[in-house]
N, C-alpha and C. Protein backbone atom coordinates (compact mmCIF):
# COMPACT_ATOMS: atom_id res chain seq x y z
N MET A 1 254.07 59.61 103.67
CA MET A 1 253.89 61.00 103.78
C MET A 1 254.53 61.37 104.96
N ILE A 2 255.28 62.54 105.04
CA ILE A 2 255.99 62.96 106.34
C ILE A 2 254.95 63.79 106.96
N LYS A 3 254.75 63.61 108.18
CA LYS A 3 253.95 64.53 109.02
C LYS A 3 254.56 65.82 109.47
N THR A 4 254.24 66.92 109.05
CA THR A 4 254.83 68.21 109.54
C THR A 4 254.42 68.57 110.88
N LEU A 5 255.45 69.39 111.49
CA LEU A 5 254.93 69.96 112.83
C LEU A 5 253.86 71.07 112.88
N VAL A 6 253.81 71.68 111.79
CA VAL A 6 253.03 72.76 111.56
C VAL A 6 251.76 72.32 110.92
N ASN A 7 250.89 71.60 111.51
CA ASN A 7 249.54 71.21 110.79
C ASN A 7 248.53 72.27 111.43
N LYS A 8 247.28 72.04 111.05
CA LYS A 8 246.30 72.88 111.46
C LYS A 8 246.12 73.27 112.77
N LYS A 9 246.12 72.14 113.37
CA LYS A 9 245.76 72.22 115.06
C LYS A 9 247.01 73.09 115.68
N ASN A 10 248.16 72.63 115.51
CA ASN A 10 249.50 73.15 115.88
C ASN A 10 249.44 74.81 115.61
N ALA A 11 249.06 75.17 114.38
CA ALA A 11 248.89 76.45 114.07
C ALA A 11 247.95 77.25 114.73
N ALA A 12 246.75 76.43 115.07
CA ALA A 12 245.73 77.26 115.96
C ALA A 12 246.21 77.25 117.42
N ILE A 13 247.02 76.44 117.82
CA ILE A 13 247.59 76.55 119.14
C ILE A 13 248.36 77.87 119.24
N ILE A 14 249.51 77.77 118.28
CA ILE A 14 250.48 78.90 118.18
C ILE A 14 249.73 80.21 117.84
N GLY A 15 248.58 80.32 117.07
CA GLY A 15 248.00 81.51 116.81
C GLY A 15 247.22 81.93 118.05
N ALA A 16 246.56 81.24 119.02
CA ALA A 16 245.95 81.54 120.03
C ALA A 16 247.02 82.10 121.12
N ALA A 17 248.07 81.36 121.23
CA ALA A 17 249.15 81.96 122.06
C ALA A 17 249.53 83.31 121.71
N LEU A 18 250.11 83.47 120.44
CA LEU A 18 250.29 84.77 119.99
C LEU A 18 249.28 85.71 120.17
N SER A 19 247.96 85.47 120.16
CA SER A 19 246.85 86.32 120.31
C SER A 19 246.90 86.70 121.78
N LEU A 20 247.14 85.77 122.69
CA LEU A 20 247.19 86.19 124.05
C LEU A 20 248.46 87.33 124.37
N VAL A 21 249.51 86.95 123.82
CA VAL A 21 250.72 87.84 123.91
C VAL A 21 250.16 89.26 123.34
N ILE A 22 249.61 89.46 122.26
CA ILE A 22 248.88 90.54 121.84
C ILE A 22 248.07 91.26 122.89
N ILE A 23 247.15 90.50 123.41
CA ILE A 23 246.36 91.17 124.45
C ILE A 23 247.08 91.63 125.64
N LEU A 24 248.10 90.78 125.92
CA LEU A 24 248.95 91.46 127.04
C LEU A 24 249.76 92.65 126.85
N PHE A 25 250.19 92.84 125.44
CA PHE A 25 250.80 94.16 124.98
C PHE A 25 249.73 95.20 125.11
N GLY A 26 248.61 94.82 124.69
CA GLY A 26 247.44 95.75 124.59
C GLY A 26 247.18 96.55 126.10
N ILE A 27 247.36 95.55 127.08
CA ILE A 27 247.10 95.90 128.29
C ILE A 27 248.19 96.84 129.06
N LEU A 28 249.25 96.42 128.56
CA LEU A 28 250.52 97.16 129.05
C LEU A 28 250.52 98.60 128.34
N VAL A 29 250.20 98.51 127.00
CA VAL A 29 250.20 99.90 126.49
C VAL A 29 249.01 100.86 127.05
N LEU A 30 247.96 100.33 127.30
CA LEU A 30 246.88 101.20 128.00
C LEU A 30 247.40 101.49 129.39
N SER A 31 248.12 100.73 130.16
CA SER A 31 248.35 101.10 131.59
C SER A 31 249.66 101.89 131.36
N GLY A 32 250.30 102.45 130.36
CA GLY A 32 251.35 103.22 130.24
C GLY A 32 252.78 102.62 130.64
N ALA A 33 252.87 101.19 130.51
CA ALA A 33 254.24 100.56 130.97
C ALA A 33 255.16 100.86 129.62
N PHE A 34 254.72 101.13 128.35
CA PHE A 34 255.79 101.61 127.66
C PHE A 34 255.86 102.88 127.24
N GLY A 35 257.02 103.34 126.87
CA GLY A 35 257.16 104.74 126.52
C GLY A 35 257.70 105.45 128.03
N ALA A 36 258.05 106.77 127.73
CA ALA A 36 258.48 107.65 128.65
C ALA A 36 257.15 107.98 129.37
N LYS A 37 257.47 108.42 130.57
CA LYS A 37 256.52 108.94 131.61
C LYS A 37 256.30 110.53 131.38
N THR A 38 255.44 110.77 130.60
CA THR A 38 255.28 112.22 130.55
C THR A 38 254.05 112.93 131.20
N GLU A 39 254.34 113.89 131.95
CA GLU A 39 253.39 114.67 132.56
C GLU A 39 253.32 116.13 132.06
N LYS A 40 252.04 116.75 132.10
CA LYS A 40 251.98 118.06 131.69
C LYS A 40 252.87 119.09 132.73
N ALA A 41 253.59 119.75 132.23
CA ALA A 41 254.33 120.78 132.87
C ALA A 41 253.19 121.74 133.95
N PRO A 42 253.79 122.08 134.99
CA PRO A 42 252.83 123.02 135.74
C PRO A 42 252.86 124.27 135.19
N SER A 43 251.60 124.96 135.16
CA SER A 43 251.39 126.09 134.70
C SER A 43 252.11 127.16 135.51
N SER A 44 252.34 128.31 134.73
CA SER A 44 252.84 129.40 135.57
C SER A 44 252.00 130.26 136.39
N SER A 45 252.61 130.40 137.67
CA SER A 45 251.55 130.87 138.90
C SER A 45 251.26 132.29 138.70
N SER A 46 252.14 133.23 137.72
CA SER A 46 251.78 134.46 137.67
C SER A 46 251.85 134.88 136.19
N LYS A 47 250.91 135.70 135.81
CA LYS A 47 250.71 136.09 134.34
C LYS A 47 251.55 137.34 134.14
N TYR A 48 252.04 137.52 133.01
CA TYR A 48 252.58 138.61 132.49
C TYR A 48 251.74 139.65 132.09
N ASP A 49 252.02 141.00 132.46
CA ASP A 49 251.09 142.09 132.25
C ASP A 49 251.64 142.55 130.84
N THR A 50 250.70 142.46 129.84
CA THR A 50 250.99 142.73 128.32
C THR A 50 250.80 144.03 128.25
N GLY A 51 250.48 144.94 128.94
CA GLY A 51 250.04 146.34 128.90
C GLY A 51 251.13 147.35 128.51
N TYR A 52 250.70 148.49 128.08
CA TYR A 52 251.77 149.27 127.64
C TYR A 52 252.48 149.98 128.70
N ALA A 53 253.71 149.88 128.56
CA ALA A 53 254.71 150.47 129.87
C ALA A 53 254.96 152.02 129.41
N THR A 54 254.87 152.53 130.66
CA THR A 54 255.17 154.27 130.31
C THR A 54 256.55 154.57 130.45
N PHE A 55 257.58 153.68 130.55
CA PHE A 55 258.92 154.20 130.80
C PHE A 55 259.78 152.91 130.18
N GLY A 56 260.94 153.41 129.91
CA GLY A 56 261.89 152.29 129.21
C GLY A 56 261.76 152.48 127.82
N ALA A 57 262.56 151.55 127.18
CA ALA A 57 262.62 151.58 125.62
C ALA A 57 261.40 150.82 125.11
N ASP A 58 260.49 151.29 124.33
CA ASP A 58 259.23 150.86 123.74
C ASP A 58 259.71 149.51 123.15
N PHE A 59 260.93 149.40 122.40
CA PHE A 59 261.20 148.38 121.68
C PHE A 59 261.50 147.04 122.62
N TYR A 60 261.98 147.28 123.92
CA TYR A 60 262.50 146.33 124.77
C TYR A 60 260.87 145.79 125.25
N ASN A 61 260.03 146.73 125.49
CA ASN A 61 258.68 146.28 125.90
C ASN A 61 257.97 145.35 124.98
N PHE A 62 258.11 145.76 123.64
CA PHE A 62 257.61 145.24 122.61
C PHE A 62 258.06 143.80 122.47
N ALA A 63 259.48 143.58 122.46
CA ALA A 63 259.95 142.25 122.55
C ALA A 63 259.78 141.43 123.75
N SER A 64 259.51 142.06 124.79
CA SER A 64 259.31 141.00 126.01
C SER A 64 257.98 140.71 125.85
N ASN A 65 256.90 141.36 125.37
CA ASN A 65 255.55 141.01 125.19
C ASN A 65 255.51 139.78 124.10
N ASN A 66 256.23 140.02 122.96
CA ASN A 66 256.25 138.92 122.06
C ASN A 66 256.76 137.76 122.54
N ALA A 67 257.85 137.87 123.28
CA ALA A 67 258.56 136.63 123.92
C ALA A 67 257.55 136.02 124.73
N TYR A 68 256.70 136.64 125.44
CA TYR A 68 255.65 136.02 126.53
C TYR A 68 254.78 135.49 125.44
N GLU A 69 254.23 136.08 124.44
CA GLU A 69 253.07 135.30 123.48
C GLU A 69 253.72 134.22 122.93
N ALA A 70 254.90 134.16 122.49
CA ALA A 70 255.45 133.12 122.02
C ALA A 70 255.59 132.01 122.99
N ALA A 71 255.97 132.09 124.28
CA ALA A 71 256.10 131.20 125.16
C ALA A 71 254.70 130.63 125.59
N VAL A 72 253.39 131.40 125.49
CA VAL A 72 252.17 130.99 125.57
C VAL A 72 251.76 129.92 124.49
N ALA A 73 252.24 130.36 123.18
CA ALA A 73 251.74 129.65 122.23
C ALA A 73 252.83 128.26 122.28
N SER A 74 253.93 128.32 122.50
CA SER A 74 254.50 127.07 122.58
C SER A 74 254.07 126.06 123.80
N ARG A 75 253.64 126.61 124.91
CA ARG A 75 252.82 125.94 125.91
C ARG A 75 251.64 125.35 125.50
N THR A 76 250.90 125.92 124.76
CA THR A 76 249.74 125.33 124.07
C THR A 76 249.86 124.39 122.92
N VAL A 77 251.00 124.35 122.33
CA VAL A 77 251.43 123.30 121.36
C VAL A 77 251.87 122.15 122.08
N ALA A 78 252.59 122.41 123.41
CA ALA A 78 253.18 121.23 124.24
C ALA A 78 251.99 120.43 124.76
N ASP A 79 250.79 121.24 125.21
CA ASP A 79 249.61 120.63 125.82
C ASP A 79 248.80 119.81 124.84
N ASN A 80 248.83 120.37 123.67
CA ASN A 80 248.12 119.75 122.44
C ASN A 80 248.75 118.53 122.11
N LEU A 81 250.10 118.58 121.90
CA LEU A 81 250.96 117.21 121.68
C LEU A 81 250.89 116.28 122.92
N HIS A 82 250.70 116.59 124.19
CA HIS A 82 250.62 115.63 125.23
C HIS A 82 249.13 115.01 125.14
N ALA A 83 248.23 115.83 124.76
CA ALA A 83 246.92 115.15 124.62
C ALA A 83 246.73 114.18 123.33
N LEU A 84 247.44 114.46 122.26
CA LEU A 84 247.46 113.70 121.19
C LEU A 84 248.20 112.37 121.63
N GLY A 85 249.37 112.53 122.22
CA GLY A 85 250.12 111.36 122.78
C GLY A 85 249.42 110.30 123.57
N LYS A 86 248.51 111.00 124.48
CA LYS A 86 247.67 110.18 125.32
C LYS A 86 246.42 109.31 124.24
N LEU A 87 246.07 110.13 123.49
CA LEU A 87 244.96 109.66 122.49
C LEU A 87 245.49 108.40 121.74
N ILE A 88 246.77 108.77 121.05
CA ILE A 88 247.25 107.59 120.38
C ILE A 88 247.67 106.42 121.26
N LYS A 89 248.26 106.61 122.54
CA LYS A 89 248.47 105.53 123.28
C LYS A 89 247.01 104.66 123.61
N ASN A 90 246.02 105.34 123.70
CA ASN A 90 244.82 104.69 124.10
C ASN A 90 244.18 104.00 123.09
N VAL A 91 244.26 104.39 121.76
CA VAL A 91 243.86 103.96 120.66
C VAL A 91 244.71 102.60 120.22
N SER A 92 246.03 102.63 120.47
CA SER A 92 246.79 101.77 119.96
C SER A 92 246.52 100.59 121.00
N GLY A 93 246.44 100.86 122.40
CA GLY A 93 246.21 99.89 123.27
C GLY A 93 244.75 99.12 122.88
N LEU A 94 243.76 100.00 122.84
CA LEU A 94 242.43 99.36 122.62
C LEU A 94 242.52 98.53 121.20
N THR A 95 243.32 98.93 120.09
CA THR A 95 243.35 98.40 118.89
C THR A 95 244.16 96.92 119.09
N LEU A 96 245.11 97.03 119.84
CA LEU A 96 245.93 95.68 120.10
C LEU A 96 245.01 94.71 120.98
N LEU A 97 244.12 95.27 121.90
CA LEU A 97 243.23 94.11 122.68
C LEU A 97 242.18 93.71 121.72
N ALA A 98 241.61 94.47 120.80
CA ALA A 98 240.66 93.93 119.74
C ALA A 98 241.24 92.93 118.84
N LEU A 99 242.43 93.19 118.40
CA LEU A 99 243.06 92.18 117.63
C LEU A 99 243.44 90.90 118.20
N GLY A 100 243.72 91.08 119.52
CA GLY A 100 244.06 89.97 120.20
C GLY A 100 242.71 89.07 120.58
N PHE A 101 241.68 89.71 120.90
CA PHE A 101 240.48 88.91 121.29
C PHE A 101 240.17 88.48 120.05
N LEU A 102 240.12 89.04 118.87
CA LEU A 102 239.59 88.41 117.56
C LEU A 102 240.45 87.29 117.33
N GLY A 103 241.79 87.43 117.37
CA GLY A 103 242.72 86.18 117.15
C GLY A 103 242.44 85.05 118.03
N CYS A 104 242.21 85.33 119.28
CA CYS A 104 241.94 84.21 119.99
C CYS A 104 240.57 83.59 119.65
N GLY A 105 239.73 84.12 119.30
CA GLY A 105 238.19 83.68 118.79
C GLY A 105 238.44 82.76 117.69
N TYR A 106 239.15 83.46 116.65
CA TYR A 106 239.43 82.74 115.39
C TYR A 106 240.19 81.54 115.75
N PHE A 107 241.32 81.74 116.25
CA PHE A 107 242.08 80.40 116.54
C PHE A 107 241.57 79.33 117.24
N GLY A 108 240.89 79.92 118.31
CA GLY A 108 239.92 78.89 118.93
C GLY A 108 239.10 78.14 118.33
N LEU A 109 238.23 78.80 117.53
CA LEU A 109 237.25 78.09 116.53
C LEU A 109 238.17 77.12 115.70
N ALA A 110 239.17 77.47 115.14
CA ALA A 110 240.03 76.49 114.29
C ALA A 110 240.38 75.39 114.93
N PHE A 111 240.81 75.36 116.33
CA PHE A 111 241.19 74.36 117.18
C PHE A 111 240.11 73.44 117.43
N VAL A 112 238.90 73.89 117.68
CA VAL A 112 237.63 73.27 117.88
C VAL A 112 237.34 72.53 116.74
N GLU A 113 237.55 72.93 115.61
CA GLU A 113 237.35 72.19 114.36
C GLU A 113 238.15 71.00 114.13
N CYS A 114 239.42 71.27 114.54
CA CYS A 114 240.64 70.28 114.40
C CYS A 114 240.17 69.09 115.42
N LEU A 115 239.62 69.43 116.47
CA LEU A 115 239.33 68.39 117.50
C LEU A 115 238.15 67.69 116.86
N LYS A 116 237.11 68.32 116.29
CA LYS A 116 236.16 67.61 116.01
C LYS A 116 236.48 66.65 114.77
N LYS A 117 237.27 67.10 113.90
CA LYS A 117 237.72 66.23 112.87
C LYS A 117 238.57 65.13 113.45
N GLU A 118 239.35 65.28 114.48
CA GLU A 118 239.83 64.14 115.09
C GLU A 118 238.88 63.00 115.72
N GLU A 119 237.84 63.56 116.16
CA GLU A 119 236.87 62.58 117.03
C GLU A 119 236.05 61.98 115.73
N SER A 120 235.92 62.41 114.70
CA SER A 120 235.01 61.63 113.56
C SER A 120 235.44 60.39 113.21
N PRO A 121 236.82 60.06 112.90
CA PRO A 121 237.39 58.95 112.48
C PRO A 121 237.00 57.74 113.58
N ALA A 122 237.40 58.31 114.88
CA ALA A 122 237.19 57.35 116.11
C ALA A 122 235.74 56.75 116.25
N GLU A 123 234.78 57.88 116.07
CA GLU A 123 233.45 57.29 116.00
C GLU A 123 232.92 56.67 114.73
N ALA A 124 233.56 56.59 113.71
CA ALA A 124 233.34 55.82 112.55
C ALA A 124 233.32 54.24 112.81
N GLY A 125 234.04 53.79 113.62
CA GLY A 125 234.30 52.26 113.95
C GLY A 125 233.31 52.01 115.04
N VAL A 126 232.64 52.74 115.61
CA VAL A 126 231.66 52.45 116.67
C VAL A 126 230.40 52.33 116.00
N ALA A 127 229.67 51.13 116.35
CA ALA A 127 228.34 50.91 115.80
C ALA A 127 227.26 51.75 116.32
N THR A 128 226.51 52.29 115.53
CA THR A 128 225.37 52.95 115.91
C THR A 128 224.03 52.18 116.14
N HIS A 129 223.16 52.68 116.57
CA HIS A 129 221.96 52.23 116.83
C HIS A 129 221.24 51.73 115.47
N ASP A 130 221.42 52.42 114.53
CA ASP A 130 220.70 51.99 113.11
C ASP A 130 221.57 50.82 112.59
N ASP A 131 222.96 50.52 112.87
CA ASP A 131 223.48 49.37 112.35
C ASP A 131 223.15 48.15 113.13
N ASP A 132 222.70 48.26 114.26
CA ASP A 132 222.18 46.89 114.93
C ASP A 132 220.86 46.57 114.54
N VAL A 133 219.93 47.27 114.01
CA VAL A 133 218.70 47.01 113.78
C VAL A 133 218.75 46.02 112.43
N GLN A 134 218.01 44.77 112.59
CA GLN A 134 217.89 43.93 111.61
C GLN A 134 216.82 44.31 110.64
N PRO A 135 217.12 44.11 109.32
CA PRO A 135 216.08 44.58 108.34
C PRO A 135 214.63 43.72 108.55
N ASP A 136 213.65 44.32 108.27
CA ASP A 136 212.26 43.67 108.17
C ASP A 136 212.02 42.64 107.15
N ALA A 137 211.12 41.73 107.31
CA ALA A 137 211.10 40.48 106.35
C ALA A 137 210.44 41.16 105.13
N SER A 138 209.91 42.32 105.42
CA SER A 138 209.02 43.00 104.08
C SER A 138 210.12 43.58 103.17
N GLU A 139 211.25 44.05 103.91
CA GLU A 139 212.12 44.74 103.10
C GLU A 139 213.11 43.73 102.13
N ASN A 140 213.14 42.33 102.57
CA ASN A 140 213.90 41.38 101.95
C ASN A 140 213.07 40.89 100.72
N GLU A 141 211.62 41.08 100.52
CA GLU A 141 211.06 40.43 99.67
C GLU A 141 211.02 41.13 98.27
C-alpha cells in the first residue's frame, strides 16, 4: 500500500496553517490595509440661502436652489455609502477572524486525534500492571 502525502495528520497541519492565514487576512481587513483609503469629504463651510430672491430671473434662482438641493442629496448619499463601506469592511474582517479561529480549533482537534492514534499502537506493546499480575490459585481450579 502506497502511503500518500495527504493523510489526516498532514491535512490537519495544512488546514491549521490556512486558518492562520485567514486570521491574518481578517486582521488586515479590519485594520484597513486592503482597499482604497476613503475619507469623508469635508462639509461646506457656508450654507446656501434658499430663500426667495427679489431680483433677477426667477427661473435662474429656482434652478440654483434645485442645484443646491441636488448637491445636498448627493452628499447625503456619499456619506451613507461611506458608512456602508465601513460596515462591510468590519463585518467581513470579523467574519474572517471567526472562520480562522474556528478552523484552527477544528484542525487542531483533528491533529490531536491523529497524535493520540499514533501513540496507541506504541503503548500496546508495553506491559501494563494487569499483565504482570499472576492469576490466583483459586482461579485455576
